[in-house]
Structures are given as C-alpha cells and as structure tokens.
Protein backbone atom coordinates (compact mmCIF):
# COMPACT_ATOMS: atom_id res chain seq x y z
CA MET A 1 -8.26 -14.65 -27.16
CA HIS A 2 -6.49 -17.35 -25.22
CA LYS A 3 -7.84 -20.83 -24.96
CA PHE A 4 -6.21 -23.50 -22.88
CA LEU A 5 -7.15 -26.76 -21.24
CA MET A 6 -6.42 -27.41 -17.63
CA ASN A 7 -5.24 -30.95 -16.98
CA ASN A 8 -8.07 -31.74 -14.55
CA THR A 9 -10.94 -30.51 -16.70
CA ARG A 10 -12.15 -30.91 -20.25
CA GLU A 11 -13.52 -27.41 -20.32
CA GLY A 12 -11.32 -24.69 -21.77
CA ILE A 13 -11.50 -21.01 -21.00
CA ASN A 14 -12.51 -19.14 -24.15
CA LYS A 15 -12.58 -15.63 -22.74
CA LYS A 16 -10.83 -13.72 -20.02
CA ILE A 17 -12.27 -13.79 -16.53
CA ARG A 18 -13.29 -10.33 -15.36
CA ILE A 19 -11.78 -9.09 -12.09
CA ASN A 20 -11.95 -5.66 -10.47
CA GLY A 21 -8.38 -5.26 -9.33
CA ILE A 22 -4.99 -6.58 -8.35
CA LYS A 23 -3.08 -5.38 -5.33
CA LEU A 24 0.60 -6.10 -4.66
CA SER A 25 2.31 -5.79 -1.30
CA THR A 26 5.63 -4.33 -0.38
CA GLU A 27 8.44 -6.77 0.35
CA LEU A 28 7.59 -8.85 3.42
CA VAL A 29 8.90 -11.68 5.60
CA GLN A 30 6.65 -14.67 6.19
CA VAL A 31 6.69 -16.07 9.73
CA ASN A 32 5.34 -19.62 10.10
CA LEU A 33 4.37 -21.00 13.51
CA LEU A 34 5.20 -24.69 13.34
CA ASN A 35 3.33 -27.31 15.35
CA ARG A 36 6.25 -29.52 16.35
CA SER A 37 6.35 -30.48 20.01
CA PHE A 38 4.77 -27.33 21.41
CA PRO A 39 2.40 -28.53 24.17
CA GLN A 40 -0.19 -25.83 23.52
CA ASP A 41 -1.40 -23.58 20.75
CA SER A 42 1.37 -21.00 20.25
CA ARG A 43 -0.71 -18.58 18.17
CA PRO A 44 -2.22 -16.55 21.04
CA LEU A 45 1.18 -16.07 22.67
CA PHE A 46 2.88 -15.13 19.41
CA PHE A 47 0.24 -12.66 18.25
CA ARG A 48 -0.09 -11.14 21.73
CA LEU A 49 3.68 -10.49 21.76
CA LEU A 50 3.50 -8.82 18.35
CA ALA A 51 0.58 -6.66 19.50
CA GLN A 52 2.34 -5.68 22.73
CA HIS A 53 5.36 -4.55 20.72
CA GLN A 54 3.18 -2.82 18.11
CA ILE A 55 4.37 -4.89 15.16
CA ASN A 56 1.97 -4.67 12.20
CA ILE A 57 0.75 -7.84 10.51
CA PRO A 58 -0.38 -6.97 6.96
CA PHE A 59 -1.32 -10.60 6.21
CA ILE A 60 -2.32 -13.44 8.54
CA LEU A 61 -3.68 -16.94 8.15
CA THR A 62 -4.11 -19.80 10.58
CA SER A 63 -4.98 -23.46 10.38
CA GLY A 64 -6.57 -25.71 12.93
CA MET A 65 -6.33 -28.85 10.85
CA GLY A 66 -3.40 -30.43 12.68
CA GLU A 67 -1.05 -29.51 9.87
CA LYS A 68 2.60 -28.78 10.45
CA ILE A 69 2.08 -25.04 10.00
CA ILE A 70 -0.63 -23.87 12.39
CA GLY A 71 -0.28 -20.18 11.75
CA SER A 72 1.43 -17.87 9.35
CA CYS A 73 1.75 -14.15 8.94
CA CYS A 74 3.67 -11.65 6.90
CA VAL A 75 5.45 -8.69 8.45
CA ALA A 76 7.50 -5.80 7.08
CA THR A 77 11.12 -6.71 6.45
CA GLU A 78 12.28 -4.00 8.86
CA ASP A 79 10.35 -5.68 11.71
CA ILE A 80 12.01 -9.08 11.53
CA ASN A 81 14.83 -8.29 13.98
CA ARG A 82 12.31 -6.87 16.45
CA ILE A 83 10.30 -10.09 16.23
CA LYS A 84 13.39 -12.21 16.85
CA LYS A 85 14.17 -10.13 19.95
CA VAL A 86 10.57 -10.34 21.20
CA VAL A 87 10.44 -14.16 20.95
CA ALA A 88 13.97 -14.65 22.32
CA GLY A 89 12.50 -14.72 25.85
CA GLU A 90 10.13 -17.55 24.86
CA PRO A 91 12.41 -20.51 23.95
CA LYS A 92 9.58 -22.92 23.07
CA LEU A 93 8.04 -20.32 20.79
CA LYS A 94 11.39 -19.35 19.27
CA GLU A 95 12.11 -22.99 18.38
CA ASN A 96 8.82 -23.27 16.51
CA LEU A 97 9.18 -20.30 14.17
CA GLU A 98 10.28 -20.40 10.55
CA PHE A 99 11.15 -17.25 8.58
CA ILE A 100 10.90 -16.87 4.80
CA ALA A 101 12.43 -13.60 3.65
CA GLY A 102 11.65 -11.81 0.39
CA VAL A 103 7.99 -12.69 -0.03
CA GLY A 104 5.08 -10.62 -1.25
CA THR A 105 1.33 -10.91 -1.54
CA LEU A 106 -0.75 -10.66 -4.68
CA SER A 107 -4.48 -10.12 -4.15
CA ILE A 108 -7.12 -10.48 -6.85
CA PHE A 109 -10.46 -8.85 -6.04
CA PRO A 110 -13.29 -9.25 -5.99
CA HIS A 111 -13.59 -12.84 -7.01
CA HIS A 112 -17.30 -13.29 -6.11
CA SER A 113 -16.72 -16.89 -4.99
CA ASN A 114 -15.62 -17.77 -8.50
CA LEU A 115 -14.08 -21.24 -8.25
CA LYS A 116 -13.01 -21.06 -11.89
CA LEU A 117 -10.87 -18.02 -11.03
CA MET A 118 -9.28 -19.79 -8.06
CA GLY A 119 -8.58 -22.91 -10.11
CA LEU A 120 -7.14 -20.84 -12.92
CA ALA A 121 -4.86 -18.93 -10.54
CA PHE A 122 -3.51 -22.16 -9.02
CA TYR A 123 -3.03 -23.63 -12.48
CA LEU A 124 -1.19 -20.58 -13.84
CA LEU A 125 1.15 -20.27 -10.84
CA GLY A 126 1.90 -23.99 -10.98
CA ARG A 127 2.47 -23.98 -14.72
CA ALA A 128 4.97 -21.12 -14.28
CA HIS A 129 6.70 -23.04 -11.45
CA MET A 130 6.18 -20.11 -9.10
CA PRO A 131 6.53 -20.85 -5.41
CA MET A 132 3.38 -20.50 -3.33
CA TYR A 133 4.02 -20.11 0.39
CA GLY A 134 0.41 -19.50 1.33
CA MET A 135 -3.02 -18.62 0.03
CA ALA A 136 -6.12 -17.13 1.60
CA SER A 137 -9.62 -16.49 0.34
CA SER A 138 -12.19 -14.07 1.65
CA ILE A 139 -15.53 -12.83 0.38
CA SER A 140 -13.78 -10.20 -1.68
CA SER A 141 -10.33 -11.48 -2.61
CA LEU A 142 -7.92 -14.29 -3.33
CA THR A 143 -4.47 -13.62 -1.90
CA PHE A 144 -1.33 -15.57 -2.78
CA ILE A 145 2.08 -15.39 -1.08
CA THR A 146 5.00 -15.90 -3.45
CA ASP A 147 8.51 -14.54 -3.98
CA TYR A 148 8.46 -10.74 -3.96
CA SER A 149 10.80 -10.71 -6.95
CA GLN A 150 8.20 -12.74 -8.90
CA LEU A 151 5.12 -10.54 -8.28
CA ASP A 152 5.34 -8.69 -11.60
CA LYS A 153 5.76 -11.99 -13.45
CA ALA A 154 2.67 -13.38 -11.69
CA VAL A 155 0.66 -10.28 -12.68
CA SER A 156 1.72 -10.67 -16.31
CA ILE A 157 0.72 -14.31 -16.30
CA PHE A 158 -2.66 -13.55 -14.68
CA LEU A 159 -3.45 -10.70 -17.06
CA GLU A 160 -3.19 -13.07 -20.03
CA TYR A 161 -6.34 -14.75 -18.72
CA MET A 162 -7.97 -12.11 -16.50
CA ASP A 163 -9.49 -8.81 -17.54
CA LEU A 164 -9.16 -5.62 -15.46
CA PRO A 165 -11.54 -2.67 -15.83
CA PRO A 166 -10.42 0.15 -18.15
CA ASN A 167 -8.01 2.63 -16.59
CA HIS A 168 -6.98 0.20 -13.88
CA SER A 169 -3.61 -1.36 -13.35
CA PRO A 170 -2.23 -3.45 -10.50
CA PHE A 171 -1.32 -1.22 -7.58
CA ARG A 172 1.17 -1.23 -4.76
CA PRO A 173 0.73 0.66 -1.51
CA GLU A 174 2.38 4.06 -1.51
CA ILE A 175 2.29 4.56 2.23
CA HIS A 176 3.59 2.41 5.06
CA VAL A 177 1.75 2.59 8.36
CA ILE A 178 3.65 1.89 11.57
CA GLN A 179 2.45 1.86 15.14
CA LYS A 180 3.92 4.26 17.66
CA LYS A 181 3.58 4.06 21.42
CA ARG A 182 1.53 6.86 22.93
C-alpha cells in the first residue's frame, strides 16, 4: 500500500481511495473566452453561434469571478475550423478567443463530495508536472483538462492511489455524436 504525505497536511493516505470509474475523452481543442476589453459578456453570443451551427460542446465551464478567462469549452478537433469561420464575422469575439489544441478530459466519478480525493488529484497532477488547463466538479464527478497525450499517464498516476471496482478499467467513448441539420 502506498503512503505519502502531502506538503499542506500532516495526514498521510494509508489506503487507496475508492472511486467508481474513470472516463477519458477523445482528443479535443479547448476554446477560452478571454475577458480583455470586450464591453459585454461574450459567452451568450459565442455559445449561441455554436448552437446555430450545430457544433457540439462535450465540456463547458464558465466563471463570473472577473478572471481573465470568463468561459471555456472543449470541442472536437474537426470542429475548430468551423468555429473560426463562425466567429470571423464577429471581430470583437474573434479577438477574445484562445485555442489550445491537443487537450483531453479525464473524469473521476463519483467522488461523493470527497475533498480528500480532489486534493489528492491536484497534488498528483502537480507532482507529475502535468499541465492543467481547467477543472470542473459536479455532484458526480471531478473532470480535469490536460494534454491529450498525457491522459494515460494521468490514469496510471491516479490508479496508484485510487481503487476502481473489479472488472472496471478507464474507458474512452467509442462513438462520436455529431449534429446534422434537419
């Protein structure tokens, strides 16, 4: 069994933390909506344009805290050129977008509001010097955005300290849903 001490706590973890699953995404592109000099909230305009052009958003998070990034989403790599064309007609919006190619999401579920699990995940990713482009928490999962090429490494690191049920392994989606106009 692994035992380690996190720098910010005196308490070590003596046994693995039980989780019910890990889900990995396909390769994605992260789109950040930056809050530079845009006079109004750009999120409604941006997401309305994506919806009008039937561009799927497998992961989305927003912030209203006055931070530099006010919204972020991940889209399929094949949709990035469509997004660039869609926003080309909106110069203020176009100027406030940042694209990070080659990202993926790793979701741990369910976490049952387990702060120890969240702290451990942050600690392990930081210790491994893995980039973290975003993170979201819901009632059922913790989701991290990192380099797609590093997802398997992240899973290996997590599984040293987290326990999956028998006969379960991390899974990736086998189908890709796209929207078609009717």
